[in-house]
C-alpha atoms as a PDB file:
ATOM      1  CA  MET A   1      12.395 232.884  61.903  1.00  0.00           C
ATOM      2  CA  ILE A   2       9.632 233.933  63.802  1.00  0.00           C
ATOM      3  CA  GLU A   3       9.248 230.430  66.153  1.00  0.00           C
ATOM      4  CA  THR A   4      12.706 230.292  66.223  1.00  0.00           C
ATOM      5  CA  ALA A   5      13.060 233.970  68.128  1.00  0.00           C
ATOM      6  CA  GLU A   6       9.724 232.729  69.774  1.00  0.00           C
ATOM      7  CA  ILE A   7      11.743 229.511  71.232  1.00  0.00           C
ATOM      8  CA  LEU A   8      14.966 231.539  72.119  1.00  0.00           C
ATOM      9  CA  LYS A   9      12.838 234.111  73.836  1.00  0.00           C
ATOM     10  CA  SER A  10      11.167 231.344  75.930  1.00  0.00           C
ATOM     11  CA  PHE A  11      14.279 229.759  76.955  1.00  0.00           C
ATOM     12  CA  GLY A  12      16.046 233.073  77.578  1.00  0.00           C
ATOM     13  CA  GLU A  13      12.902 233.650  80.156  1.00  0.00           C
ATOM     14  CA  PHE A  14      12.891 230.196  81.398  1.00  0.00           C
ATOM     15  CA  PHE A  15      16.750 230.307  82.101  1.00  0.00           C
ATOM     16  CA  ALA A  16      16.686 234.053  83.610  1.00  0.00           C
ATOM     17  CA  GLY A  17      13.938 232.542  85.921  1.00  0.00           C
ATOM     18  CA  VAL A  18      15.928 229.989  86.875  1.00  0.00           C
ATOM     19  CA  ILE A  19      18.903 232.365  87.675  1.00  0.00           C
ATOM     20  CA  ILE A  20      16.821 234.360  89.749  1.00  0.00           C
ATOM     21  CA  VAL A  21      15.291 231.879  91.717  1.00  0.00           C
ATOM     22  CA  ALA A  22      18.563 229.648  92.140  1.00  0.00           C
ATOM     23  CA  GLY A  23      20.987 232.173  92.805  1.00  0.00           C
ATOM     24  CA  PRO A  24      19.752 233.670  96.039  1.00  0.00           C
ATOM     25  CA  LEU A  25      19.489 229.979  96.980  1.00  0.00           C
ATOM     26  CA  THR A  26      22.970 228.960  95.942  1.00  0.00           C
ATOM     27  CA  ALA A  27      24.571 232.299  97.509  1.00  0.00           C
ATOM     28  CA  LYS A  28      22.832 231.095 100.859  1.00  0.00           C
ATOM     29  CA  TYR A  29      23.836 227.492 100.637  1.00  0.00           C
ATOM     30  CA  ILE A  30      27.517 228.690 100.035  1.00  0.00           C
ATOM     31  CA  LYS A  31      27.005 231.264 103.063  1.00  0.00           C
ATOM     32  CA  GLY A  32      26.279 228.682 105.023  1.00  0.00           C
ATOM     33  CA  ARG A  33      28.536 226.314 104.289  1.00  0.00           C
ATOM     34  CA  TYR A  34      31.187 228.626 104.774  1.00  0.00           C
ATOM     35  CA  GLU A  35      29.630 229.838 107.973  1.00  0.00           C
ATOM     36  CA  ARG A  36      29.680 226.080 109.300  1.00  0.00           C
ATOM     37  CA  ARG A  37      32.920 225.262 108.561  1.00  0.00           C
ATOM     38  CA  ASN A  38      34.242 229.146 110.235  1.00  0.00           C
ATOM     39  CA  PHE A  39      32.062 227.739 113.173  1.00  0.00           C
ATOM     40  CA  THR A  40      33.832 224.342 113.350  1.00  0.00           C
ATOM     41  CA  LYS A  41      37.323 226.258 113.026  1.00  0.00           C
ATOM     42  CA  ARG A  42      36.987 228.924 115.365  1.00  0.00           C
ATOM     43  CA  LYS A  43      35.989 226.117 118.492  1.00  0.00           C
ATOM     44  CA  LEU A  44      38.591 224.353 117.033  1.00  0.00           C
ATOM     45  CA  ASN A  45      41.156 227.234 117.692  1.00  0.00           C
ATOM     46  CA  ILE A  46      39.705 228.239 120.913  1.00  0.00           C
ATOM     47  CA  ALA A  47      39.578 224.340 122.457  1.00  0.00           C
ATOM     48  CA  GLY A  48      43.425 224.736 120.963  1.00  0.00           C
ATOM     49  CA  LEU A  49      44.182 227.530 122.941  1.00  0.00           C
ATOM     50  CA  VAL A  50      42.531 226.467 126.165  1.00  0.00           C
ATOM     51  CA  SER A  51      44.251 222.741 125.808  1.00  0.00           C
ATOM     52  CA  GLU A  52      47.953 224.618 125.258  1.00  0.00           C
ATOM     53  CA  ARG A  53      47.535 226.681 128.874  1.00  0.00           C
ATOM     54  CA  LEU A  54      46.213 223.847 130.851  1.00  0.00           C
ATOM     55  CA  THR A  55      49.577 222.002 129.843  1.00  0.00           C
ATOM     56  CA  GLU A  56      51.282 224.986 130.999  1.00  0.00           C
ATOM     57  CA  MET A  57      49.559 225.352 134.008  1.00  0.00           C
ATOM     58  CA  ARG A  58      50.002 221.508 135.115  1.00  0.00           C
ATOM     59  CA  ILE A  59      53.416 221.967 134.920  1.00  0.00           C
ATOM     60  CA  LYS A  60      54.492 225.379 136.179  1.00  0.00           C
ATOM     61  CA  TYR A  61      52.227 224.472 139.269  1.00  0.00           C
ATOM     62  CA  ASN A  62      53.468 221.434 139.758  1.00  0.00           C
ATOM     63  CA  VAL A  63      50.339 219.145 140.012  1.00  0.00           C
ATOM     64  CA  ASP A  64      48.983 215.884 139.069  1.00  0.00           C
ATOM     65  CA  ARG A  65      46.145 216.380 137.018  1.00  0.00           C
ATOM     66  CA  ILE A  66      44.807 219.771 135.864  1.00  0.00           C
ATOM     67  CA  SER A  67      40.707 219.826 134.765  1.00  0.00           C
ATOM     68  CA  ILE A  68      37.943 222.176 133.669  1.00  0.00           C
ATOM     69  CA  ILE A  69      34.547 221.256 135.055  1.00  0.00           C
ATOM     70  CA  GLU A  70      31.399 222.726 132.856  1.00  0.00           C
ATOM     71  CA  PHE A  71      27.584 222.739 133.670  1.00  0.00           C
ATOM     72  CA  SER A  72      24.973 221.884 131.740  1.00  0.00           C
ATOM     73  CA  ASN A  73      21.064 221.173 132.104  1.00  0.00           C
ATOM     74  CA  GLY A  74      19.829 217.963 131.200  1.00  0.00           C
ATOM     75  CA  ASP A  75      16.480 216.096 131.395  1.00  0.00           C
ATOM     76  CA  LYS A  76      13.626 217.351 133.714  1.00  0.00           C
ATOM     77  CA  SER A  77      12.332 215.977 136.496  1.00  0.00           C
ATOM     78  CA  VAL A  78       8.973 214.644 136.632  1.00  0.00           C
ATOM     79  CA  SER A  79       8.031 218.060 138.609  1.00  0.00           C
ATOM     80  CA  GLY A  80       9.427 219.875 135.578  1.00  0.00           C
ATOM     81  CA  PHE A  81      13.045 220.971 136.989  1.00  0.00           C
ATOM     82  CA  PRO A  82      15.943 220.202 134.751  1.00  0.00           C
ATOM     83  CA  PHE A  83      18.686 218.306 136.222  1.00  0.00           C
ATOM     84  CA  LEU A  84      22.141 220.305 136.570  1.00  0.00           C
ATOM     85  CA  PHE A  85      25.143 218.123 135.263  1.00  0.00           C
ATOM     86  CA  THR A  86      28.786 218.831 135.689  1.00  0.00           C
ATOM     87  CA  THR A  87      31.289 217.564 133.086  1.00  0.00           C
ATOM     88  CA  ILE A  88      35.129 217.539 132.425  1.00  0.00           C
ATOM     89  CA  THR A  89      35.395 219.196 129.361  1.00  0.00           C
ATOM     90  CA  TYR A  90      39.233 219.044 129.645  1.00  0.00           C
ATOM     91  CA  GLU A  91      41.898 217.765 131.596  1.00  0.00           C
ATOM     92  CA  LYS A  92      45.941 217.066 131.411  1.00  0.00           C
ATOM     93  CA  VAL A  93      47.539 214.529 133.704  1.00  0.00           C
ATOM     94  CA  ALA A  94      51.164 213.942 134.493  1.00  0.00           C
ATOM     95  CA  GLY A  95      52.656 210.638 132.976  1.00  0.00           C
ATOM     96  CA  ASN A  96      51.749 208.421 135.516  1.00  0.00           C
ATOM     97  CA  ILE A  97      48.226 209.440 136.469  1.00  0.00           C
ATOM     98  CA  SER A  98      45.219 208.098 134.964  1.00  0.00           C
ATOM     99  CA  HIS A  99      42.638 210.131 133.671  1.00  0.00           C
ATOM    100  CA  GLN A 100      39.124 210.829 135.087  1.00  0.00           C
ATOM    101  CA  GLN A 101      37.685 212.690 132.319  1.00  0.00           C
ATOM    102  CA  GLN A 102      35.716 209.474 131.262  1.00  0.00           C
ATOM    103  CA  PHE A 103      33.707 209.025 134.897  1.00  0.00           C
ATOM    104  CA  VAL A 104      32.586 212.406 134.841  1.00  0.00           C
ATOM    105  CA  ASN A 105      30.728 213.082 131.859  1.00  0.00           C
ATOM    106  CA  LYS A 106      27.097 214.429 132.477  1.00  0.00           C
ATOM    107  CA  VAL A 107      27.581 213.753 136.324  1.00  0.00           C
ATOM    108  CA  PRO A 108      24.555 215.079 138.327  1.00  0.00           C
ATOM    109  CA  ALA A 109      26.057 218.090 140.254  1.00  0.00           C
ATOM    110  CA  SER A 110      24.312 217.249 143.225  1.00  0.00           C
ATOM    111  CA  TRP A 111      27.377 214.187 143.968  1.00  0.00           C
ATOM    112  CA  TYR A 112      29.917 217.069 144.266  1.00  0.00           C
ATOM    113  CA  ILE A 113      27.327 219.591 146.225  1.00  0.00           C
ATOM    114  CA  ASP A 114      30.503 219.906 148.986  1.00  0.00           C
ATOM    115  CA  PHE A 115      32.754 220.876 146.578  1.00  0.00           C
ATOM    116  CA  ASN A 116      30.442 223.241 144.376  1.00  0.00           C
ATOM    117  CA  SER A 117      28.482 224.833 146.835  1.00  0.00           C
ATOM    118  CA  PRO A 118      31.180 227.148 148.313  1.00  0.00           C
ATOM    119  CA  PHE A 119      31.509 229.035 144.673  1.00  0.00           C
ATOM    120  CA  THR A 120      27.778 230.088 144.145  1.00  0.00           C
ATOM    121  CA  ASP A 121      29.404 232.696 146.531  1.00  0.00           C
ATOM    122  CA  PRO A 122      30.261 235.243 143.684  1.00  0.00           C
ATOM    123  CA  GLU A 123      32.747 236.732 146.536  1.00  0.00           C
ATOM    124  CA  ILE A 124      34.329 232.995 146.230  1.00  0.00           C
ATOM    125  CA  GLY A 125      37.449 232.425 143.815  1.00  0.00           C
ATOM    126  CA  TYR A 126      39.146 229.388 145.185  1.00  0.00           C
ATOM    127  CA  GLY A 127      39.159 226.837 147.852  1.00  0.00           C
ATOM    128  CA  MET A 128      41.508 224.066 149.074  1.00  0.00           C
ATOM    129  CA  PHE A 129      40.214 220.446 150.153  1.00  0.00           C
ATOM    130  CA  ASP A 130      42.383 217.749 151.291  1.00  0.00           C
ATOM    131  CA  ASP A 131      42.392 214.062 152.255  1.00  0.00           C
ATOM    132  CA  THR A 132      42.237 214.797 156.065  1.00  0.00           C
ATOM    133  CA  GLY A 133      39.107 216.786 155.592  1.00  0.00           C
ATOM    134  CA  ALA A 134      40.812 220.164 155.745  1.00  0.00           C
ATOM    135  CA  VAL A 135      38.997 222.956 154.005  1.00  0.00           C
ATOM    136  CA  LYS A 136      40.608 226.689 153.277  1.00  0.00           C
ATOM    137  CA  ILE A 137      37.730 228.495 151.456  1.00  0.00           C
ATOM    138  CA  GLN A 138      39.333 231.762 150.417  1.00  0.00           C
ATOM    139  CA  GLY A 139      41.976 231.541 153.398  1.00  0.00           C
ATOM    140  CA  LYS A 140      39.435 230.456 155.968  1.00  0.00           C
ATOM    141  CA  ASP A 141      39.837 227.276 157.300  1.00  0.00           C
ATOM    142  CA  SER A 142      36.784 224.582 157.884  1.00  0.00           C
ATOM    143  CA  PHE A 143      36.550 220.804 158.412  1.00  0.00           C
ATOM    144  CA  ASN A 144      34.332 218.258 156.084  1.00  0.00           C
ATOM    145  CA  ILE A 145      34.871 214.568 156.050  1.00  0.00           C
ATOM    146  CA  GLU A 146      32.455 214.261 153.346  1.00  0.00           C
ATOM    147  CA  THR A 147      34.723 215.695 151.125  1.00  0.00           C
ATOM    148  CA  ALA A 148      37.509 214.091 152.230  1.00  0.00           C
ATOM    149  CA  LYS A 149      36.129 210.705 151.775  1.00  0.00           C
ATOM    150  CA  ILE A 150      35.743 211.503 148.171  1.00  0.00           C
ATOM    151  CA  LEU A 151      39.051 212.652 147.823  1.00  0.00           C
ATOM    152  CA  LEU A 152      40.218 209.036 149.319  1.00  0.00           C
ATOM    153  CA  GLY A 153      37.932 207.172 147.449  1.00  0.00           C
ATOM    154  CA  ASN A 154      39.697 208.994 144.195  1.00  0.00           C
ATOM    155  CA  GLY A 155      42.961 208.492 145.473  1.00  0.00           C
ATOM    156  CA  VAL A 156      43.839 212.372 145.490  1.00  0.00           C
ATOM    157  CA  LYS A 157      45.524 214.193 148.608  1.00  0.00           C
ATOM    158  CA  THR A 158      44.853 217.481 147.903  1.00  0.00           C
ATOM    159  CA  ASN A 159      42.251 219.085 145.633  1.00  0.00           C
ATOM    160  CA  TRP A 160      42.381 223.260 144.556  1.00  0.00           C
ATOM    161  CA  THR A 161      39.511 224.458 143.154  1.00  0.00           C
ATOM    162  CA  PHE A 162      39.181 227.926 141.167  1.00  0.00           C
ATOM    163  CA  LYS A 163      36.329 229.647 139.065  1.00  0.00           C
ATOM    164  CA  LEU A 164      36.970 230.952 135.873  1.00  0.00           C
ATOM    165  CA  SER A 165      34.778 234.029 136.999  1.00  0.00           C
ATOM    166  CA  LYS A 166      32.343 235.312 139.404  1.00  0.00           C
ATOM    167  CA  ASN A 167      29.811 233.288 138.276  1.00  0.00           C
ATOM    168  CA  ILE A 168      30.304 229.143 138.880  1.00  0.00           C
ATOM    169  CA  SER A 169      28.369 228.661 135.754  1.00  0.00           C
ATOM    170  CA  HIS A 170      31.358 229.545 133.755  1.00  0.00           C
ATOM    171  CA  GLY A 171      32.915 226.657 135.285  1.00  0.00           C
ATOM    172  CA  LEU A 172      35.796 225.902 137.691  1.00  0.00           C
ATOM    173  CA  VAL A 173      39.512 224.948 136.800  1.00  0.00           C
ATOM    174  CA  VAL A 174      40.790 221.930 139.460  1.00  0.00           C
ATOM    175  CA  PHE A 175      44.311 220.973 140.130  1.00  0.00           C
ATOM    176  CA  SER A 176      44.522 217.436 142.070  1.00  0.00           C
ATOM    177  CA  SER A 177      47.607 216.279 143.564  1.00  0.00           C
ATOM    178  CA  ILE A 178      47.818 212.639 144.016  1.00  0.00           C
ATOM    179  CA  ASP A 179      50.961 211.983 145.936  1.00  0.00           C
ATOM    180  CA  SER A 180      51.373 214.917 148.279  1.00  0.00           C
ATOM    181  CA  HIS A 181      49.640 217.553 150.048  1.00  0.00           C
ATOM    182  CA  ARG A 182      49.909 220.528 147.410  1.00  0.00           C
ATOM    183  CA  VAL A 183      50.037 224.062 149.052  1.00  0.00           C
ATOM    184  CA  PHE A 184      50.045 226.862 146.764  1.00  0.00           C
ATOM    185  CA  THR A 185      51.601 230.372 147.894  1.00  0.00           C
ATOM    186  CA  GLU A 186      49.928 233.537 147.579  1.00  0.00           C
ATOM    187  CA  ASP A 187      51.906 234.219 144.799  1.00  0.00           C
ATOM    188  CA  GLU A 188      50.779 231.264 142.807  1.00  0.00           C
ATOM    189  CA  ILE A 189      47.223 231.663 143.882  1.00  0.00           C
ATOM    190  CA  ILE A 190      47.437 235.567 142.125  1.00  0.00           C
ATOM    191  CA  SER A 191      48.800 233.826 139.154  1.00  0.00           C
ATOM    192  CA  ILE A 192      46.601 231.006 138.700  1.00  0.00           C
ATOM    193  CA  LEU A 193      43.783 233.582 139.312  1.00  0.00           C
ATOM    194  CA  GLY A 194      45.023 235.249 135.988  1.00  0.00           C
ATOM    195  CA  ASP A 195      45.357 231.932 134.197  1.00  0.00           C
ATOM    196  CA  CYS A 196      41.656 231.759 135.031  1.00  0.00           C
ATOM    197  CA  LYS A 197      40.980 235.214 133.433  1.00  0.00           C
ATOM    198  CA  TYR A 198      42.765 234.194 130.212  1.00  0.00           C
ATOM    199  CA  ILE A 199      40.694 230.911 130.105  1.00  0.00           C
ATOM    200  CA  GLU A 200      37.217 232.313 130.493  1.00  0.00           C
ATOM    201  CA  THR A 201      38.415 234.925 127.773  1.00  0.00           C
ATOM    202  CA  LEU A 202      38.905 232.507 125.269  1.00  0.00           C
ATOM    203  CA  PHE A 203      35.441 230.780 126.746  1.00  0.00           C
ATOM    204  CA  LYS A 204      33.640 234.209 126.080  1.00  0.00           C
ATOM    205  CA  GLN A 205      34.709 233.976 122.473  1.00  0.00           C
ATOM    206  CA  ARG A 206      33.169 230.249 121.309  1.00  0.00           C
ATOM    207  CA  PRO A 207      30.896 230.478 119.016  1.00  0.00           C
ATOM    208  CA  GLN A 208      27.051 229.547 120.021  1.00  0.00           C
END
């Protein structure tokens, strides 16, 4: 009886040790799995809301293509400086218009410096470029034949670009008109800036 009691005691101590060790590990595993699942769910929910708003915007503002461009750092140069890339992360097009998303995936930002450089100024929120070389940056007229060449090469007549916030690194919303030169009214510009603020708010909620 004494041996049996000792054996049972040993088993009890062994299982108690297993529970003490395995309990926290199991709880950690369950918590990690839940967090990963919740992370994916939150990202997909936000992506769905952004995609839905872009669809509404393309129709509301009567453009052929609407895209969101985001920036990322990539490989470093031999001198140790990271390259800056641009990627179309969202895109909506009219039924007869081709997608550009597959062509703008980790493209060097320097390729589009004529479009992007004005928006490094925090006070510049939007600009218009067309295939004649005409440029309007926040209402101020200028001319740039290089931007016209790029637009002509992509079959675009008018390109409107809006920042999501004062900081260009938060991304750009691009409106492209293929068949006509599109001019936004002041009311439309104000409305679009509101849409950009909404998208920026959604982006801020993305889990890191």
